[in-house]
Amino acid sequence: MNALVIRKPAGAVALEDNDQWEMRFEIRSAHSGRIYIISRNKKSQKWGCSCMGWKRWRTCTHLTDGCGLSLSEIHGNGAISDDNSHKANRTLRLRQSKRPN
């Protein structure tokens, strides 16, 4: 079994695990300067971030660029199986439909 190796973002602060989340880090956004928390869910083994990009589209640069994780590592098997996945797909379709010809 291969161990997952993540890159700790520069300036990240390690946080204590809690009931639901492990490998928790507090990071500062390079763009806005805001503080976000990235961590892995103990039960599903999927990664998450407290940023708006993660909450809306289930992808963010804090996990991919900051930690060096691929989308398949972030989402487990690569599929989004939470209750909010339909929101991300709907938002993407709406944005694509509003593009000028």
Protein backbone atom coordinates (compact mmCIF):
# COMPACT_ATOMS: atom_id res chain seq x y z
CA MET A 1 0.00 0.00 0.00
CA ASN A 2 1.42 3.38 -1.03
CA ALA A 3 1.43 6.12 1.58
CA LEU A 4 -0.08 9.45 0.59
CA VAL A 5 2.51 12.20 0.67
CA ILE A 6 1.34 15.78 0.90
CA ARG A 7 3.43 18.90 0.71
CA LYS A 8 2.96 21.21 3.69
CA PRO A 9 2.35 24.69 2.26
CA ALA A 10 4.88 27.34 3.23
CA GLY A 11 3.75 29.13 6.37
CA ALA A 12 1.07 26.52 7.19
CA VAL A 13 0.33 25.87 10.85
CA ALA A 14 -0.47 22.31 11.93
CA LEU A 15 -3.69 21.97 13.94
CA GLU A 16 -4.92 19.22 16.27
CA ASP A 17 -7.12 16.48 14.80
CA ASN A 18 -10.75 16.60 15.91
CA ASP A 19 -13.65 14.09 15.87
CA GLN A 20 -14.20 14.31 12.11
CA TRP A 21 -11.01 15.70 10.56
CA GLU A 22 -7.32 14.74 10.55
CA MET A 23 -4.12 16.21 9.04
CA ARG A 24 -5.48 19.70 9.64
CA PHE A 25 -3.54 22.81 8.57
CA GLU A 26 -4.25 26.50 8.80
CA ILE A 27 -3.01 28.32 5.69
CA ARG A 28 -3.02 31.88 4.44
CA SER A 29 -4.30 32.50 0.93
CA ALA A 30 -1.65 33.90 -1.40
CA HIS A 31 -4.29 35.98 -3.19
CA SER A 32 -6.55 37.40 -0.49
CA GLY A 33 -4.51 36.93 2.69
CA ARG A 34 -7.47 35.15 4.32
CA ILE A 35 -6.90 32.18 6.63
CA TYR A 36 -8.34 28.79 5.59
CA ILE A 37 -8.27 25.32 7.09
CA ILE A 38 -7.47 22.28 4.96
CA SER A 39 -7.91 18.77 6.32
CA ARG A 40 -8.90 15.17 5.51
CA ASN A 41 -12.16 13.61 6.67
CA LYS A 42 -11.48 10.58 8.89
CA LYS A 43 -14.48 8.59 7.66
CA SER A 44 -14.50 9.26 3.90
CA GLN A 45 -10.73 9.92 3.56
CA LYS A 46 -11.56 12.89 1.31
CA TRP A 47 -9.88 16.26 1.63
CA GLY A 48 -11.63 19.56 2.22
CA CYS A 49 -10.95 23.26 2.55
CA SER A 50 -12.86 26.07 4.21
CA CYS A 51 -12.50 28.40 1.18
CA MET A 52 -15.43 29.43 -1.03
CA GLY A 53 -13.97 27.64 -4.07
CA TRP A 54 -14.11 24.35 -2.18
CA LYS A 55 -17.58 24.99 -0.80
CA ARG A 56 -19.02 25.84 -4.23
CA TRP A 57 -17.07 23.76 -6.76
CA ARG A 58 -15.21 21.18 -4.65
CA THR A 59 -11.84 22.26 -5.99
CA CYS A 60 -9.35 24.83 -4.78
CA THR A 61 -5.74 25.82 -5.27
CA HIS A 62 -5.00 25.45 -1.56
CA LEU A 63 -5.23 21.65 -1.96
CA THR A 64 -3.89 21.24 -5.51
CA ASP A 65 -1.14 23.86 -5.70
CA GLY A 66 -0.50 24.34 -2.00
CA CYS A 67 -0.36 20.68 -0.96
CA GLY A 68 0.44 19.08 -4.30
CA LEU A 69 -2.62 16.80 -4.25
CA SER A 70 -4.24 15.58 -7.45
CA LEU A 71 -8.03 15.78 -7.87
CA SER A 72 -8.28 11.99 -7.58
CA GLU A 73 -6.41 12.10 -4.25
CA ILE A 74 -8.63 14.94 -3.01
CA HIS A 75 -11.88 13.20 -3.91
CA GLY A 76 -10.85 9.65 -3.09
CA ASN A 77 -11.78 7.79 -6.27
CA GLY A 78 -12.16 10.98 -8.28
CA ALA A 79 -15.96 11.17 -7.95
CA ILE A 80 -17.79 13.70 -5.81
CA SER A 81 -20.32 11.77 -3.75
CA ASP A 82 -21.57 14.38 -1.31
CA ASP A 83 -24.98 16.06 -1.32
CA ASN A 84 -23.62 19.28 -2.85
CA SER A 85 -22.21 17.78 -6.06
CA HIS A 86 -25.34 18.69 -8.04
CA LYS A 87 -24.84 22.36 -7.10
CA ALA A 88 -21.34 22.38 -8.58
CA ASN A 89 -22.51 20.75 -11.82
CA ARG A 90 -25.48 23.14 -12.12
CA THR A 91 -23.27 26.18 -11.51
CA LEU A 92 -20.81 25.03 -14.18
CA ARG A 93 -23.62 24.55 -16.73
CA LEU A 94 -25.02 28.01 -15.95
CA ARG A 95 -21.64 29.67 -16.39
CA GLN A 96 -21.01 27.91 -19.68
CA SER A 97 -24.45 28.89 -21.02
CA LYS A 98 -23.81 32.59 -20.31
CA ARG A 99 -20.67 32.79 -22.46
CA PRO A 100 -20.96 35.10 -25.48
CA ASN A 101 -20.88 33.55 -28.96
